[in-house]
Structure formats: structure tokens, C-alpha cells
PDB file of N, CA and C in Angstrom:
ATOM      1  N   UNK A   1     270.568  48.919  45.676  1.00  0.00           N
ATOM      2  CA  UNK A   1     271.997  48.293  45.931  1.00  0.00           C
ATOM      3  C   UNK A   1     271.814  47.400  46.897  1.00  0.00           C
ATOM      4  N   UNK A   2     272.925  46.353  47.129  1.00  0.00           N
ATOM      5  CA  UNK A   2     272.721  45.140  48.280  1.00  0.00           C
ATOM      6  C   UNK A   2     273.331  45.826  49.031  1.00  0.00           C
ATOM      7  N   UNK A   3     272.992  45.352  50.100  1.00  0.00           N
ATOM      8  CA  UNK A   3     273.028  45.484  51.296  1.00  0.00           C
ATOM      9  C   UNK A   3     274.558  45.057  51.642  1.00  0.00           C
ATOM     10  N   UNK A   4     275.432  46.363  52.671  1.00  0.00           N
ATOM     11  CA  UNK A   4     276.776  45.328  52.933  1.00  0.00           C
ATOM     12  C   UNK A   4     276.850  46.322  53.851  1.00  0.00           C
ATOM     13  N   UNK A   5     277.977  45.911  54.202  1.00  0.00           N
ATOM     14  CA  UNK A   5     278.641  46.747  55.749  1.00  0.00           C
ATOM     15  C   UNK A   5     279.861  47.225  55.622  1.00  0.00           C
ATOM     16  N   UNK A   6     279.577  48.784  56.003  1.00  0.00           N
ATOM     17  CA  UNK A   6     280.959  49.865  55.961  1.00  0.00           C
ATOM     18  C   UNK A   6     281.038  49.123  57.398  1.00  0.00           C
ATOM     19  N   UNK A   7     282.646  50.514  56.830  1.00  0.00           N
ATOM     20  CA  UNK A   7     283.885  50.376  57.627  1.00  0.00           C
ATOM     21  C   UNK A   7     284.285  51.773  57.570  1.00  0.00           C
ATOM     22  N   UNK A   8     283.501  52.529  58.126  1.00  0.00           N
ATOM     23  CA  UNK A   8     284.238  53.846  58.085  1.00  0.00           C
ATOM     24  C   UNK A   8     285.013  54.306  59.897  1.00  0.00           C
ATOM     25  N   UNK A   9     285.690  55.914  59.965  1.00  0.00           N
ATOM     26  CA  UNK A   9     286.432  55.701  60.308  1.00  0.00           C
ATOM     27  C   UNK A   9     285.687  57.963  61.192  1.00  0.00           C
ATOM     28  N   UNK A  10     285.699  57.422  62.143  1.00  0.00           N
ATOM     29  CA  UNK A  10     284.521  59.671  62.372  1.00  0.00           C
ATOM     30  C   UNK A  10     285.756  59.806  63.531  1.00  0.00           C
ATOM     31  N   UNK A  11     285.353  61.246  63.673  1.00  0.00           N
ATOM     32  CA  UNK A  11     286.329  62.366  63.934  1.00  0.00           C
ATOM     33  C   UNK A  11     285.442  63.662  64.297  1.00  0.00           C
ATOM     34  N   UNK A  12     285.855  64.373  65.238  1.00  0.00           N
ATOM     35  CA  UNK A  12     284.725  65.548  65.112  1.00  0.00           C
ATOM     36  C   UNK A  12     285.860  66.945  64.761  1.00  0.00           C
ATOM     37  N   UNK A  13     285.713  67.668  63.992  1.00  0.00           N
ATOM     38  CA  UNK A  13     286.285  69.187  63.410  1.00  0.00           C
ATOM     39  C   UNK A  13     285.368  69.788  63.883  1.00  0.00           C
ATOM     40  N   UNK A  14     285.647  71.196  65.150  1.00  0.00           N
ATOM     41  CA  UNK A  14     285.070  72.499  65.274  1.00  0.00           C
ATOM     42  C   UNK A  14     283.761  71.708  65.849  1.00  0.00           C
ATOM     43  N   UNK A  15     282.401  72.064  64.784  1.00  0.00           N
ATOM     44  CA  UNK A  15     281.298  71.710  65.398  1.00  0.00           C
ATOM     45  C   UNK A  15     280.553  70.813  64.184  1.00  0.00           C
ATOM     46  N   UNK A  16     281.850  70.269  63.803  1.00  0.00           N
ATOM     47  CA  UNK A  16     280.998  68.761  62.532  1.00  0.00           C
ATOM     48  C   UNK A  16     281.552  67.389  63.498  1.00  0.00           C
ATOM     49  N   UNK A  17     281.085  66.335  62.361  1.00  0.00           N
ATOM     50  CA  UNK A  17     281.450  65.281  62.321  1.00  0.00           C
ATOM     51  C   UNK A  17     281.775  64.783  61.078  1.00  0.00           C
ATOM     52  N   UNK A  18     283.543  64.065  61.332  1.00  0.00           N
ATOM     53  CA  UNK A  18     283.807  64.230  59.618  1.00  0.00           C
ATOM     54  C   UNK A  18     283.656  62.142  59.537  1.00  0.00           C
ATOM     55  N   UNK A  19     282.966  62.154  58.480  1.00  0.00           N
ATOM     56  CA  UNK A  19     283.422  60.434  58.108  1.00  0.00           C
ATOM     57  C   UNK A  19     283.963  60.011  56.953  1.00  0.00           C
ATOM     58  N   UNK A  20     284.774  58.759  57.252  1.00  0.00           N
ATOM     59  CA  UNK A  20     284.742  58.499  55.965  1.00  0.00           C
ATOM     60  C   UNK A  20     285.017  57.103  55.858  1.00  0.00           C
ATOM     61  N   UNK A  21     284.914  56.711  54.667  1.00  0.00           N
ATOM     62  CA  UNK A  21     284.635  54.816  54.784  1.00  0.00           C
ATOM     63  C   UNK A  21     286.333  54.544  54.167  1.00  0.00           C
ATOM     64  N   UNK A  22     286.818  53.689  54.466  1.00  0.00           N
ATOM     65  CA  UNK A  22     288.103  53.058  54.866  1.00  0.00           C
ATOM     66  C   UNK A  22     288.189  52.330  53.112  1.00  0.00           C
ATOM     67  N   UNK A  23     287.821  51.379  52.733  1.00  0.00           N
ATOM     68  CA  UNK A  23     287.494  51.101  51.146  1.00  0.00           C
ATOM     69  C   UNK A  23     287.994  52.104  50.282  1.00  0.00           C
ATOM     70  N   UNK A  24     286.911  53.084  49.809  1.00  0.00           N
ATOM     71  CA  UNK A  24     286.623  53.747  48.722  1.00  0.00           C
ATOM     72  C   UNK A  24     286.795  55.230  49.488  1.00  0.00           C
ATOM     73  N   UNK A  25     287.020  55.515  50.813  1.00  0.00           N
ATOM     74  CA  UNK A  25     287.721  56.784  50.644  1.00  0.00           C
ATOM     75  C   UNK A  25     286.890  58.227  50.707  1.00  0.00           C
ATOM     76  N   UNK A  26     285.901  57.443  50.523  1.00  0.00           N
ATOM     77  CA  UNK A  26     284.258  58.511  50.585  1.00  0.00           C
ATOM     78  C   UNK A  26     284.609  59.368  51.661  1.00  0.00           C
ATOM     79  N   UNK A  27     283.958  60.081  51.883  1.00  0.00           N
ATOM     80  CA  UNK A  27     284.611  61.098  52.742  1.00  0.00           C
ATOM     81  C   UNK A  27     282.955  61.931  52.847  1.00  0.00           C
ATOM     82  N   UNK A  28     282.657  62.625  54.450  1.00  0.00           N
ATOM     83  CA  UNK A  28     281.468  63.422  53.806  1.00  0.00           C
ATOM     84  C   UNK A  28     281.722  64.211  55.731  1.00  0.00           C
ATOM     85  N   UNK A  29     280.485  64.820  56.123  1.00  0.00           N
ATOM     86  CA  UNK A  29     280.204  65.049  57.503  1.00  0.00           C
ATOM     87  C   UNK A  29     278.896  65.349  57.666  1.00  0.00           C
ATOM     88  N   UNK A  30     278.455  65.590  58.846  1.00  0.00           N
ATOM     89  CA  UNK A  30     277.226  66.001  59.454  1.00  0.00           C
ATOM     90  C   UNK A  30     277.270  66.964  60.747  1.00  0.00           C
ATOM     91  N   UNK A  31     276.467  67.591  61.195  1.00  0.00           N
ATOM     92  CA  UNK A  31     276.238  68.194  62.663  1.00  0.00           C
ATOM     93  C   UNK A  31     276.413  67.456  63.792  1.00  0.00           C
ATOM     94  N   UNK A  32     275.951  65.866  63.356  1.00  0.00           N
ATOM     95  CA  UNK A  32     276.069  64.512  64.047  1.00  0.00           C
ATOM     96  C   UNK A  32     276.620  63.525  63.927  1.00  0.00           C
ATOM     97  N   UNK A  33     276.663  62.540  65.285  1.00  0.00           N
ATOM     98  CA  UNK A  33     277.320  61.387  64.440  1.00  0.00           C
ATOM     99  C   UNK A  33     276.135  60.629  63.489  1.00  0.00           C
ATOM    100  N   UNK A  34     274.695  60.733  63.775  1.00  0.00           N
ATOM    101  CA  UNK A  34     273.941  59.972  62.963  1.00  0.00           C
ATOM    102  C   UNK A  34     273.625  60.622  61.825  1.00  0.00           C
ATOM    103  N   UNK A  35     273.667  61.802  61.951  1.00  0.00           N
ATOM    104  CA  UNK A  35     273.677  62.288  60.387  1.00  0.00           C
ATOM    105  C   UNK A  35     274.931  62.518  59.607  1.00  0.00           C
ATOM    106  N   UNK A  36     275.987  62.494  60.010  1.00  0.00           N
ATOM    107  CA  UNK A  36     277.186  62.114  59.420  1.00  0.00           C
ATOM    108  C   UNK A  36     277.191  60.588  58.342  1.00  0.00           C
ATOM    109  N   UNK A  37     276.917  59.533  59.665  1.00  0.00           N
ATOM    110  CA  UNK A  37     276.706  58.462  58.790  1.00  0.00           C
ATOM    111  C   UNK A  37     275.488  58.008  58.215  1.00  0.00           C
ATOM    112  N   UNK A  38     274.404  59.100  57.507  1.00  0.00           N
ATOM    113  CA  UNK A  38     273.930  58.979  57.231  1.00  0.00           C
ATOM    114  C   UNK A  38     274.071  59.458  55.682  1.00  0.00           C
ATOM    115  N   UNK A  39     274.893  60.520  55.766  1.00  0.00           N
ATOM    116  CA  UNK A  39     275.169  61.235  54.651  1.00  0.00           C
ATOM    117  C   UNK A  39     276.328  60.287  54.017  1.00  0.00           C
ATOM    118  N   UNK A  40     277.028  59.856  54.651  1.00  0.00           N
ATOM    119  CA  UNK A  40     277.816  58.610  54.310  1.00  0.00           C
ATOM    120  C   UNK A  40     277.418  57.590  53.386  1.00  0.00           C
ATOM    121  N   UNK A  41     276.233  56.716  53.784  1.00  0.00           N
ATOM    122  CA  UNK A  41     275.379  55.906  53.323  1.00  0.00           C
ATOM    123  C   UNK A  41     275.257  56.813  51.711  1.00  0.00           C
ATOM    124  N   UNK A  42     274.681  57.435  51.832  1.00  0.00           N
ATOM    125  CA  UNK A  42     273.896  58.161  50.834  1.00  0.00           C
ATOM    126  C   UNK A  42     275.446  58.895  49.462  1.00  0.00           C
ATOM    127  N   UNK A  43     276.460  59.384  50.340  1.00  0.00           N
ATOM    128  CA  UNK A  43     277.533  59.438  49.456  1.00  0.00           C
ATOM    129  C   UNK A  43     278.085  57.849  48.891  1.00  0.00           C
ATOM    130  N   UNK A  44     278.103  56.708  49.073  1.00  0.00           N
ATOM    131  CA  UNK A  44     279.240  55.761  48.713  1.00  0.00           C
ATOM    132  C   UNK A  44     277.859  55.253  48.010  1.00  0.00           C
ATOM    133  N   UNK A  45     276.111  55.660  48.100  1.00  0.00           N
ATOM    134  CA  UNK A  45     275.876  54.512  47.120  1.00  0.00           C
ATOM    135  C   UNK A  45     275.569  55.385  46.154  1.00  0.00           C
ATOM    136  N   UNK A  46     276.012  56.299  45.374  1.00  0.00           N
ATOM    137  CA  UNK A  46     276.539  57.373  44.928  1.00  0.00           C
ATOM    138  C   UNK A  46     277.468  56.878  44.060  1.00  0.00           C
ATOM    139  N   UNK A  47     278.350  57.657  44.482  1.00  0.00           N
ATOM    140  CA  UNK A  47     279.816  56.694  44.684  1.00  0.00           C
ATOM    141  C   UNK A  47     279.858  55.260  43.978  1.00  0.00           C
ATOM    142  N   UNK A  48     279.201  54.425  44.440  1.00  0.00           N
ATOM    143  CA  UNK A  48     279.167  52.743  43.570  1.00  0.00           C
ATOM    144  C   UNK A  48     278.031  52.843  42.691  1.00  0.00           C
ATOM    145  N   UNK A  49     277.137  54.216  42.664  1.00  0.00           N
ATOM    146  CA  UNK A  49     276.868  54.173  40.958  1.00  0.00           C
ATOM    147  C   UNK A  49     277.900  54.284  39.605  1.00  0.00           C
ATOM    148  N   UNK A  50     278.589  55.037  40.421  1.00  0.00           N
ATOM    149  CA  UNK A  50     279.626  55.301  39.291  1.00  0.00           C
ATOM    150  C   UNK A  50     280.661  54.504  39.019  1.00  0.00           C
ATOM    151  N   UNK A  51     281.459  53.870  40.837  1.00  0.00           N
ATOM    152  CA  UNK A  51     282.159  52.998  40.490  1.00  0.00           C
ATOM    153  C   UNK A  51     281.985  51.942  40.593  1.00  0.00           C
ATOM    154  N   UNK A  52     280.844  50.740  40.381  1.00  0.00           N
ATOM    155  CA  UNK A  52     280.343  49.272  40.416  1.00  0.00           C
ATOM    156  C   UNK A  52     281.257  48.750  41.244  1.00  0.00           C
ATOM    157  N   UNK A  53     282.078  48.560  40.262  1.00  0.00           N
ATOM    158  CA  UNK A  53     283.267  47.648  40.542  1.00  0.00           C
ATOM    159  C   UNK A  53     283.825  47.695  42.288  1.00  0.00           C
ATOM    160  N   UNK A  54     284.072  48.743  42.649  1.00  0.00           N
ATOM    161  CA  UNK A  54     284.534  49.511  43.941  1.00  0.00           C
ATOM    162  C   UNK A  54     282.980  47.971  45.272  1.00  0.00           C
ATOM    163  N   UNK A  55     282.138  48.460  44.635  1.00  0.00           N
ATOM    164  CA  UNK A  55     281.193  47.012  45.491  1.00  0.00           C
ATOM    165  C   UNK A  55     281.796  46.015  45.996  1.00  0.00           C
ATOM    166  N   UNK A  56     282.262  45.094  45.372  1.00  0.00           N
ATOM    167  CA  UNK A  56     283.311  43.782  45.049  1.00  0.00           C
ATOM    168  C   UNK A  56     284.250  43.864  46.189  1.00  0.00           C
ATOM    169  N   UNK A  57     284.778  44.487  46.095  1.00  0.00           N
ATOM    170  CA  UNK A  57     286.220  45.268  47.414  1.00  0.00           C
ATOM    171  C   UNK A  57     285.523  45.328  48.457  1.00  0.00           C
ATOM    172  N   UNK A  58     284.140  46.147  49.046  1.00  0.00           N
ATOM    173  CA  UNK A  58     283.138  46.505  49.822  1.00  0.00           C
ATOM    174  C   UNK A  58     282.771  45.095  50.510  1.00  0.00           C
ATOM    175  N   UNK A  59     282.426  44.256  49.322  1.00  0.00           N
ATOM    176  CA  UNK A  59     281.892  43.461  50.090  1.00  0.00           C
ATOM    177  C   UNK A  59     282.772  42.164  50.356  1.00  0.00           C
ATOM    178  N   UNK A  60     283.890  42.144  49.392  1.00  0.00           N
ATOM    179  CA  UNK A  60     284.844  41.386  49.717  1.00  0.00           C
ATOM    180  C   UNK A  60     285.970  41.628  51.142  1.00  0.00           C
ATOM    181  N   UNK A  61     285.727  42.617  51.738  1.00  0.00           N
ATOM    182  CA  UNK A  61     286.840  42.944  52.822  1.00  0.00           C
ATOM    183  C   UNK A  61     285.719  42.271  53.946  1.00  0.00           C
ATOM    184  N   UNK A  62     286.594  41.554  54.690  1.00  0.00           N
ATOM    185  CA  UNK A  62     285.975  40.682  56.193  1.00  0.00           C
ATOM    186  C   UNK A  62     287.401  41.017  56.984  1.00  0.00           C
ATOM    187  N   UNK A  63     286.858  42.268  57.898  1.00  0.00           N
ATOM    188  CA  UNK A  63     287.449  43.127  58.984  1.00  0.00           C
ATOM    189  C   UNK A  63     287.998  42.129  60.248  1.00  0.00           C
ATOM    190  N   UNK A  64     289.087  41.927  60.732  1.00  0.00           N
ATOM    191  CA  UNK A  64     289.330  40.792  61.980  1.00  0.00           C
ATOM    192  C   UNK A  64     289.168  42.490  63.175  1.00  0.00           C
ATOM    193  N   UNK A  65     289.169  43.381  62.893  1.00  0.00           N
ATOM    194  CA  UNK A  65     289.172  44.181  64.026  1.00  0.00           C
ATOM    195  C   UNK A  65     289.814  45.614  63.544  1.00  0.00           C
ATOM    196  N   UNK A  66     290.034  46.453  64.917  1.00  0.00           N
ATOM    197  CA  UNK A  66     290.436  47.769  64.335  1.00  0.00           C
ATOM    198  C   UNK A  66     291.286  48.286  65.398  1.00  0.00           C
ATOM    199  N   UNK A  67     292.293  49.174  65.308  1.00  0.00           N
ATOM    200  CA  UNK A  67     293.064  49.063  66.046  1.00  0.00           C
ATOM    201  C   UNK A  67     293.880  50.636  65.970  1.00  0.00           C
ATOM    202  N   UNK A  68     294.206  51.378  66.648  1.00  0.00           N
ATOM    203  CA  UNK A  68     294.806  52.781  66.774  1.00  0.00           C
ATOM    204  C   UNK A  68     296.463  52.865  66.797  1.00  0.00           C
ATOM    205  N   UNK A  69     296.862  53.270  66.064  1.00  0.00           N
ATOM    206  CA  UNK A  69     298.362  53.235  65.934  1.00  0.00           C
ATOM    207  C   UNK A  69     299.020  54.784  66.040  1.00  0.00           C
ATOM    208  N   UNK A  70     299.607  54.820  67.174  1.00  0.00           N
ATOM    209  CA  UNK A  70     300.421  56.549  67.272  1.00  0.00           C
ATOM    210  C   UNK A  70     301.857  56.341  67.075  1.00  0.00           C
ATOM    211  N   UNK A  71     302.114  57.032  66.107  1.00  0.00           N
ATOM    212  CA  UNK A  71     303.124  57.761  65.561  1.00  0.00           C
ATOM    213  C   UNK A  71     304.123  58.796  66.196  1.00  0.00           C
ATOM    214  N   UNK A  72     305.236  58.457  66.720  1.00  0.00           N
ATOM    215  CA  UNK A  72     306.140  59.307  67.879  1.00  0.00           C
ATOM    216  C   UNK A  72     306.785  60.076  67.096  1.00  0.00           C
TER     217      UNK A  72
END
């Protein structure tokens, strides 16, 4: 797989870090942030083997930033 930049959200639930790639929706976890990131890389690679057209969508995404939105 060619190198690409992933964009993900990470949060903690109990004793695990959950991480979700924002384009594909691939979600995984790890006991540490680093483990969660490594697991995400592997999970997205496996996903892209099954859905190769998603790779172009990820490569085409050029984020300009991130925002937090509070809903009341």
C-alpha cells in the first residue's frame, strides 16, 4: 500500500483507547494510544485490501483543520 495520511478520532472508554478513522469508519482499540494507532493502521490496511476504491477517497481528502462541536 502506498503511504497516505489517515485522519482519526481517539477517545478513552474505561481502560481502552478507541480510535476511528474518519473516512472509512474503521474503528479499533488498544490499551495505549500508541497501540490503538498501530491497530488502526493494520485495520485500515486490511479494509483497503477489501475495498480498494476507498484508498482514492482517503488520498483525495485534504483536511483544513479539526473542530469540536458541542450540542446542547
